[in-house]
Amino acid sequence: IVANYTSSLYPSNVFHQISMKILTTAKIMIKISNLFLVIEYDGQKEHTFNGIIHTLTKESKGNVDDKGWVKNTSSSTRGSNYPKKVADLEITNSHFYSNEYPWFQYDLEQWKVCPTHYSIRSRHDGGVNDHNAKSWVIEGRSSDNEKWTNLDSQQNSPFLNDIGVVHTFDIKSTENNKEGFRYLRFRYTGPNWCNYNRMVISALEYFGRLIEEWIITYFFQITTN
């Protein structure tokens, strides 16, 4: 009796084949969760964007949306100012642009995040009282069927009302996110500092606990003599 054995581990997609003697056909799926990495914000300005998206960018060796690691979506897009640009944390001369009741979302797919802080950088052009973020909420949810959980809200925040400025905000609702969220959404709740419903930001980073879920699947195919 010869069996072909295949093991797949997402996202690595590692495949092996061996020959072995077995008596039955089997398919075994093992889910390993709660493998996590804590990425804390240490309060140092030079580490403002050394968080979770930065870590996944290094591991994927490129833009996380381009590499298929984290899906970046938004309510709309203007011109070539695509949502993937929000994850280009080290590029300061580009920005993302969305119109009308705007929101931006990270879908971390096989990961979940228990966020403790987030950093935003305003656009590289413009200035005071331009299209800078003013009032918003940070929301999280674990699946498409769940309601959004409010993690942080800002009203008339002055911290991003200038050209290319950076600020890191605390997430105070840590008691509600111990299991982590697959989706993290940044959503405007009012007009920007130019009194328009337009979202224009250069970068968005999160800090906290990054949880990875592994699914290992074993397939046994039997060939009898």
C-alpha atoms as a PDB file:
ATOM      1  CA  ILE A   1       0.000   0.000   0.000  1.00  0.00           C
ATOM      2  CA  VAL A   2       1.504   3.361  -1.090  1.00  0.00           C
ATOM      3  CA  ALA A   3       0.190   6.708   0.119  1.00  0.00           C
ATOM      4  CA  ASN A   4       0.942  10.214  -1.145  1.00  0.00           C
ATOM      5  CA  TYR A   5       1.099  12.636   1.774  1.00  0.00           C
ATOM      6  CA  THR A   6       0.700  16.392   1.289  1.00  0.00           C
ATOM      7  CA  SER A   7       0.994  19.038   3.989  1.00  0.00           C
ATOM      8  CA  SER A   8       0.071  22.661   3.277  1.00  0.00           C
ATOM      9  CA  LEU A   9       0.722  25.539   5.674  1.00  0.00           C
ATOM     10  CA  TYR A  10      -0.786  28.902   4.717  1.00  0.00           C
ATOM     11  CA  PRO A  11       0.727  31.316   3.802  1.00  0.00           C
ATOM     12  CA  SER A  12       4.018  29.459   3.294  1.00  0.00           C
ATOM     13  CA  ASN A  13       2.470  26.749   1.052  1.00  0.00           C
ATOM     14  CA  VAL A  14       5.067  24.160   1.957  1.00  0.00           C
ATOM     15  CA  PHE A  15       4.487  20.849   0.190  1.00  0.00           C
ATOM     16  CA  HIS A  16       6.064  17.483   0.895  1.00  0.00           C
ATOM     17  CA  GLN A  17       5.523  14.002  -0.534  1.00  0.00           C
ATOM     18  CA  ILE A  18       6.522  10.735   1.066  1.00  0.00           C
ATOM     19  CA  SER A  19       5.636   7.087   0.609  1.00  0.00           C
ATOM     20  CA  MET A  20       4.295   5.164   3.553  1.00  0.00           C
ATOM     21  CA  LYS A  21       2.227   2.053   4.355  1.00  0.00           C
ATOM     22  CA  ILE A  22      -1.226   2.779   5.752  1.00  0.00           C
ATOM     23  CA  LEU A  23      -4.537   0.925   5.841  1.00  0.00           C
ATOM     24  CA  THR A  24      -7.154   3.712   5.595  1.00  0.00           C
ATOM     25  CA  THR A  25      -7.850   6.922   3.724  1.00  0.00           C
ATOM     26  CA  ALA A  26      -7.771  10.042   5.888  1.00  0.00           C
ATOM     27  CA  LYS A  27      -8.036  13.812   5.715  1.00  0.00           C
ATOM     28  CA  ILE A  28      -6.940  15.602   8.850  1.00  0.00           C
ATOM     29  CA  MET A  29      -7.190  19.356   9.447  1.00  0.00           C
ATOM     30  CA  ILE A  30      -5.412  20.855  12.426  1.00  0.00           C
ATOM     31  CA  LYS A  31      -6.000  24.487  13.348  1.00  0.00           C
ATOM     32  CA  ILE A  32      -3.374  26.143  15.487  1.00  0.00           C
ATOM     33  CA  SER A  33      -4.325  29.582  16.781  1.00  0.00           C
ATOM     34  CA  ASN A  34      -3.055  32.134  19.288  1.00  0.00           C
ATOM     35  CA  LEU A  35       0.456  32.194  17.878  1.00  0.00           C
ATOM     36  CA  PHE A  36       1.115  35.860  18.434  1.00  0.00           C
ATOM     37  CA  LEU A  37       3.699  38.611  18.313  1.00  0.00           C
ATOM     38  CA  VAL A  38       3.437  41.722  20.470  1.00  0.00           C
ATOM     39  CA  ILE A  39       4.544  44.878  18.661  1.00  0.00           C
ATOM     40  CA  GLU A  40       4.445  47.730  21.143  1.00  0.00           C
ATOM     41  CA  TYR A  41       4.753  51.461  20.583  1.00  0.00           C
ATOM     42  CA  ASP A  42       7.615  52.695  22.735  1.00  0.00           C
ATOM     43  CA  GLY A  43       6.762  56.395  22.501  1.00  0.00           C
ATOM     44  CA  GLN A  44       9.793  57.230  20.365  1.00  0.00           C
ATOM     45  CA  LYS A  45       8.992  59.478  17.392  1.00  0.00           C
ATOM     46  CA  GLU A  46      11.416  57.614  15.116  1.00  0.00           C
ATOM     47  CA  HIS A  47       9.438  54.396  15.761  1.00  0.00           C
ATOM     48  CA  THR A  48       6.031  55.870  14.916  1.00  0.00           C
ATOM     49  CA  PHE A  49       5.601  53.577  11.909  1.00  0.00           C
ATOM     50  CA  ASN A  50       7.502  50.512  13.164  1.00  0.00           C
ATOM     51  CA  GLY A  51       4.345  48.584  13.956  1.00  0.00           C
ATOM     52  CA  ILE A  52       2.302  45.720  12.545  1.00  0.00           C
ATOM     53  CA  ILE A  53       2.061  46.881   8.913  1.00  0.00           C
ATOM     54  CA  HIS A  54       5.787  47.644   8.950  1.00  0.00           C
ATOM     55  CA  THR A  55       6.520  44.126  10.237  1.00  0.00           C
ATOM     56  CA  LEU A  56       4.349  42.463   7.579  1.00  0.00           C
ATOM     57  CA  THR A  57       5.896  44.694   4.906  1.00  0.00           C
ATOM     58  CA  LYS A  58       9.360  43.426   5.820  1.00  0.00           C
ATOM     59  CA  GLU A  59       8.199  39.802   5.859  1.00  0.00           C
ATOM     60  CA  SER A  60       6.395  40.063   2.503  1.00  0.00           C
ATOM     61  CA  LYS A  61       9.258  42.081   0.969  1.00  0.00           C
ATOM     62  CA  GLY A  62       6.976  44.712  -0.518  1.00  0.00           C
ATOM     63  CA  ASN A  63       3.663  46.510  -0.284  1.00  0.00           C
ATOM     64  CA  VAL A  64       1.376  44.213   1.727  1.00  0.00           C
ATOM     65  CA  ASP A  65      -1.563  44.804  -0.595  1.00  0.00           C
ATOM     66  CA  ASP A  66       0.485  44.082  -3.725  1.00  0.00           C
ATOM     67  CA  LYS A  67       1.860  40.919  -2.109  1.00  0.00           C
ATOM     68  CA  GLY A  68      -1.595  39.685  -1.080  1.00  0.00           C
ATOM     69  CA  TRP A  69      -0.839  39.679   2.639  1.00  0.00           C
ATOM     70  CA  VAL A  70      -3.178  42.501   3.734  1.00  0.00           C
ATOM     71  CA  LYS A  71      -6.054  43.676   1.556  1.00  0.00           C
ATOM     72  CA  ASN A  72      -6.501  47.456   1.491  1.00  0.00           C
ATOM     73  CA  THR A  73      -9.991  48.695   0.589  1.00  0.00           C
ATOM     74  CA  SER A  74     -11.884  51.976   0.779  1.00  0.00           C
ATOM     75  CA  SER A  75     -15.282  53.529   0.188  1.00  0.00           C
ATOM     76  CA  SER A  76     -13.978  55.118  -3.026  1.00  0.00           C
ATOM     77  CA  THR A  77     -10.766  56.162  -4.757  1.00  0.00           C
ATOM     78  CA  ARG A  78      -9.851  59.320  -6.605  1.00  0.00           C
ATOM     79  CA  GLY A  79      -7.514  59.023  -9.574  1.00  0.00           C
ATOM     80  CA  SER A  80      -4.356  57.035  -8.882  1.00  0.00           C
ATOM     81  CA  ASN A  81      -4.458  57.681  -5.128  1.00  0.00           C
ATOM     82  CA  TYR A  82      -5.196  54.037  -4.369  1.00  0.00           C
ATOM     83  CA  PRO A  83      -5.801  52.646  -0.854  1.00  0.00           C
ATOM     84  CA  LYS A  84      -2.651  50.504  -1.090  1.00  0.00           C
ATOM     85  CA  LYS A  85      -0.630  53.714  -0.689  1.00  0.00           C
ATOM     86  CA  VAL A  86      -1.665  53.923   2.969  1.00  0.00           C
ATOM     87  CA  ALA A  87       0.576  50.897   3.639  1.00  0.00           C
ATOM     88  CA  ASP A  88       3.637  52.508   2.004  1.00  0.00           C
ATOM     89  CA  LEU A  89       4.766  53.793   5.380  1.00  0.00           C
ATOM     90  CA  GLU A  90       8.212  54.991   4.299  1.00  0.00           C
ATOM     91  CA  ILE A  91       7.000  56.892   1.227  1.00  0.00           C
ATOM     92  CA  THR A  92       6.134  60.407   2.364  1.00  0.00           C
ATOM     93  CA  ASN A  93       5.388  62.088  -0.986  1.00  0.00           C
ATOM     94  CA  SER A  94       2.181  60.213  -1.874  1.00  0.00           C
ATOM     95  CA  HIS A  95      -1.277  59.851  -0.362  1.00  0.00           C
ATOM     96  CA  PHE A  96      -4.629  58.072  -0.506  1.00  0.00           C
ATOM     97  CA  TYR A  97      -7.765  60.004  -1.477  1.00  0.00           C
ATOM     98  CA  SER A  98     -11.425  59.009  -0.985  1.00  0.00           C
ATOM     99  CA  ASN A  99     -14.662  60.960  -1.514  1.00  0.00           C
ATOM    100  CA  GLU A 100     -18.025  61.116   0.283  1.00  0.00           C
ATOM    101  CA  TYR A 101     -18.580  59.426   3.658  1.00  0.00           C
ATOM    102  CA  PRO A 102     -15.087  57.962   3.405  1.00  0.00           C
ATOM    103  CA  TRP A 103     -13.506  54.987   5.114  1.00  0.00           C
ATOM    104  CA  PHE A 104     -10.314  52.981   4.731  1.00  0.00           C
ATOM    105  CA  GLN A 105      -9.898  49.346   5.836  1.00  0.00           C
ATOM    106  CA  TYR A 106      -7.140  46.816   6.428  1.00  0.00           C
ATOM    107  CA  ASP A 107      -8.249  43.197   5.943  1.00  0.00           C
ATOM    108  CA  LEU A 108      -5.536  41.090   7.575  1.00  0.00           C
ATOM    109  CA  GLU A 109      -7.032  37.804   6.312  1.00  0.00           C
ATOM    110  CA  GLN A 110      -5.124  35.023   8.179  1.00  0.00           C
ATOM    111  CA  TRP A 111      -4.089  37.371  10.993  1.00  0.00           C
ATOM    112  CA  LYS A 112      -5.963  39.164  13.738  1.00  0.00           C
ATOM    113  CA  VAL A 113      -4.898  42.261  15.643  1.00  0.00           C
ATOM    114  CA  CYS A 114      -5.521  43.404  19.210  1.00  0.00           C
ATOM    115  CA  PRO A 115      -4.603  47.077  18.673  1.00  0.00           C
ATOM    116  CA  THR A 116      -3.281  49.356  21.397  1.00  0.00           C
ATOM    117  CA  HIS A 117      -2.114  52.368  19.334  1.00  0.00           C
ATOM    118  CA  TYR A 118      -2.311  53.697  15.799  1.00  0.00           C
ATOM    119  CA  SER A 119      -0.298  56.299  13.897  1.00  0.00           C
ATOM    120  CA  ILE A 120      -1.477  58.523  11.035  1.00  0.00           C
ATOM    121  CA  ARG A 121       0.517  60.787   8.725  1.00  0.00           C
ATOM    122  CA  SER A 122      -1.221  63.654   6.916  1.00  0.00           C
ATOM    123  CA  ARG A 123      -0.703  64.388   3.227  1.00  0.00           C
ATOM    124  CA  HIS A 124       2.625  65.695   1.923  1.00  0.00           C
ATOM    125  CA  ASP A 125       1.087  68.748   0.237  1.00  0.00           C
ATOM    126  CA  GLY A 126      -1.595  71.176   1.347  1.00  0.00           C
ATOM    127  CA  GLY A 127      -1.302  72.814   4.751  1.00  0.00           C
ATOM    128  CA  VAL A 128      -3.349  74.035   7.689  1.00  0.00           C
ATOM    129  CA  ASN A 129      -7.135  73.762   7.206  1.00  0.00           C
ATOM    130  CA  ASP A 130      -6.685  71.714   4.041  1.00  0.00           C
ATOM    131  CA  HIS A 131      -8.084  68.182   3.486  1.00  0.00           C
ATOM    132  CA  ASN A 132      -6.739  66.924   6.825  1.00  0.00           C
ATOM    133  CA  ALA A 133      -8.425  64.392   9.106  1.00  0.00           C
ATOM    134  CA  LYS A 134     -10.596  65.992  11.787  1.00  0.00           C
ATOM    135  CA  SER A 135     -13.251  63.605  13.183  1.00  0.00           C
ATOM    136  CA  TRP A 136     -13.233  59.813  12.892  1.00  0.00           C
ATOM    137  CA  VAL A 137     -13.598  56.412  14.530  1.00  0.00           C
ATOM    138  CA  ILE A 138     -11.387  53.327  14.521  1.00  0.00           C
ATOM    139  CA  GLU A 139     -13.504  50.164  14.266  1.00  0.00           C
ATOM    140  CA  GLY A 140     -12.743  46.452  14.298  1.00  0.00           C
ATOM    141  CA  ARG A 141     -14.507  43.190  13.575  1.00  0.00           C
ATOM    142  CA  SER A 142     -13.474  39.559  13.262  1.00  0.00           C
ATOM    143  CA  SER A 143     -15.710  38.414  10.397  1.00  0.00           C
ATOM    144  CA  ASP A 144     -18.063  39.723   7.725  1.00  0.00           C
ATOM    145  CA  ASN A 145     -21.118  38.783   9.793  1.00  0.00           C
ATOM    146  CA  GLU A 146     -20.149  40.644  12.960  1.00  0.00           C
ATOM    147  CA  LYS A 147     -21.016  44.175  13.951  1.00  0.00           C
ATOM    148  CA  TRP A 148     -18.250  46.743  14.128  1.00  0.00           C
ATOM    149  CA  THR A 149     -16.672  47.407  17.526  1.00  0.00           C
ATOM    150  CA  ASN A 150     -15.749  51.013  18.269  1.00  0.00           C
ATOM    151  CA  LEU A 151     -12.114  51.078  19.403  1.00  0.00           C
ATOM    152  CA  ASP A 152     -11.390  54.815  19.389  1.00  0.00           C
ATOM    153  CA  SER A 153     -13.046  58.059  18.331  1.00  0.00           C
ATOM    154  CA  GLN A 154     -11.715  61.562  17.753  1.00  0.00           C
ATOM    155  CA  GLN A 155     -13.764  64.726  17.408  1.00  0.00           C
ATOM    156  CA  ASN A 156     -12.250  67.947  16.027  1.00  0.00           C
ATOM    157  CA  SER A 157      -8.759  66.555  16.527  1.00  0.00           C
ATOM    158  CA  PRO A 158      -6.071  69.212  15.813  1.00  0.00           C
ATOM    159  CA  PHE A 159      -3.121  66.809  15.609  1.00  0.00           C
ATOM    160  CA  LEU A 160      -3.185  66.149  11.842  1.00  0.00           C
ATOM    161  CA  ASN A 161      -4.154  69.628  10.655  1.00  0.00           C
ATOM    162  CA  ASP A 162      -0.953  70.512   8.789  1.00  0.00           C
ATOM    163  CA  ILE A 163       1.319  69.298   6.023  1.00  0.00           C
ATOM    164  CA  GLY A 164       3.062  65.939   6.574  1.00  0.00           C
ATOM    165  CA  VAL A 165       2.465  65.770  10.332  1.00  0.00           C
ATOM    166  CA  VAL A 166       2.388  62.521  12.317  1.00  0.00           C
ATOM    167  CA  HIS A 167       0.543  61.618  15.484  1.00  0.00           C
ATOM    168  CA  THR A 168       0.098  58.408  17.461  1.00  0.00           C
ATOM    169  CA  PHE A 169      -3.221  57.812  19.222  1.00  0.00           C
ATOM    170  CA  ASP A 170      -4.051  55.461  22.095  1.00  0.00           C
ATOM    171  CA  ILE A 171      -6.778  52.848  21.806  1.00  0.00           C
ATOM    172  CA  LYS A 172      -8.493  52.854  25.168  1.00  0.00           C
ATOM    173  CA  SER A 173     -11.057  50.083  24.513  1.00  0.00           C
ATOM    174  CA  THR A 174      -8.581  47.225  24.945  1.00  0.00           C
ATOM    175  CA  GLU A 175     -11.036  45.196  27.048  1.00  0.00           C
ATOM    176  CA  ASN A 176     -13.240  44.705  23.974  1.00  0.00           C
ATOM    177  CA  ASN A 177     -10.555  43.374  21.641  1.00  0.00           C
ATOM    178  CA  LYS A 178      -8.787  40.557  23.490  1.00  0.00           C
ATOM    179  CA  GLU A 179      -9.641  38.043  20.756  1.00  0.00           C
ATOM    180  CA  GLY A 180      -8.403  40.333  17.994  1.00  0.00           C
ATOM    181  CA  PHE A 181      -9.872  41.680  14.776  1.00  0.00           C
ATOM    182  CA  ARG A 182      -9.343  40.630  11.185  1.00  0.00           C
ATOM    183  CA  TYR A 183     -10.724  43.938   9.869  1.00  0.00           C
ATOM    184  CA  LEU A 184      -9.613  47.372  11.078  1.00  0.00           C
ATOM    185  CA  ARG A 185     -11.483  50.360   9.659  1.00  0.00           C
ATOM    186  CA  PHE A 186     -10.683  54.074   9.817  1.00  0.00           C
ATOM    187  CA  ARG A 187     -13.942  55.964   9.138  1.00  0.00           C
ATOM    188  CA  TYR A 188     -14.756  59.661   9.049  1.00  0.00           C
ATOM    189  CA  THR A 189     -17.660  60.823  11.207  1.00  0.00           C
ATOM    190  CA  GLY A 190     -17.638  64.394   9.937  1.00  0.00           C
ATOM    191  CA  PRO A 191     -16.034  66.701   7.379  1.00  0.00           C
ATOM    192  CA  ASN A 192     -12.292  67.357   7.264  1.00  0.00           C
ATOM    193  CA  TRP A 193     -10.589  70.610   8.212  1.00  0.00           C
ATOM    194  CA  CYS A 194     -11.477  72.008   4.767  1.00  0.00           C
ATOM    195  CA  ASN A 195     -15.148  71.223   5.501  1.00  0.00           C
ATOM    196  CA  TYR A 196     -15.371  68.492   2.838  1.00  0.00           C
ATOM    197  CA  ASN A 197     -16.253  64.809   3.219  1.00  0.00           C
ATOM    198  CA  ARG A 198     -12.939  63.724   1.715  1.00  0.00           C
ATOM    199  CA  MET A 199     -10.327  61.476   3.288  1.00  0.00           C
ATOM    200  CA  VAL A 200      -6.733  62.280   2.403  1.00  0.00           C
ATOM    201  CA  ILE A 201      -3.981  60.570   4.411  1.00  0.00           C
ATOM    202  CA  SER A 202      -0.442  59.441   3.694  1.00  0.00           C
ATOM    203  CA  ALA A 203      -0.027  56.473   6.049  1.00  0.00           C
ATOM    204  CA  LEU A 204      -1.770  54.440   8.766  1.00  0.00           C
ATOM    205  CA  GLU A 205      -0.007  52.050  11.147  1.00  0.00           C
ATOM    206  CA  TYR A 206      -1.207  49.925  14.072  1.00  0.00           C
ATOM    207  CA  PHE A 207       0.539  48.588  17.164  1.00  0.00           C
ATOM    208  CA  GLY A 208      -0.516  45.794  19.484  1.00  0.00           C
ATOM    209  CA  ARG A 209      -0.737  42.015  19.414  1.00  0.00           C
ATOM    210  CA  LEU A 210      -0.577  40.279  16.032  1.00  0.00           C
ATOM    211  CA  ILE A 211      -2.219  36.840  16.085  1.00  0.00           C
ATOM    212  CA  GLU A 212      -1.599  34.335  13.318  1.00  0.00           C
ATOM    213  CA  GLU A 213      -3.846  31.351  12.653  1.00  0.00           C
ATOM    214  CA  TRP A 214      -2.274  28.302  11.018  1.00  0.00           C
ATOM    215  CA  ILE A 215      -4.277  25.607   9.279  1.00  0.00           C
ATOM    216  CA  ILE A 216      -2.412  22.399   8.523  1.00  0.00           C
ATOM    217  CA  THR A 217      -4.184  19.936   6.251  1.00  0.00           C
ATOM    218  CA  TYR A 218      -3.085  16.335   5.704  1.00  0.00           C
ATOM    219  CA  PHE A 219      -4.325  14.393   2.677  1.00  0.00           C
ATOM    220  CA  PHE A 220      -3.795  10.647   2.333  1.00  0.00           C
ATOM    221  CA  GLN A 221      -4.367   9.041  -1.081  1.00  0.00           C
ATOM    222  CA  ILE A 222      -4.333   5.261  -1.070  1.00  0.00           C
ATOM    223  CA  THR A 223      -3.053   3.011  -3.841  1.00  0.00           C
ATOM    224  CA  THR A 224      -3.559  -0.668  -3.153  1.00  0.00           C
ATOM    225  CA  ASN A 225      -1.684  -3.521  -4.829  1.00  0.00           C
END
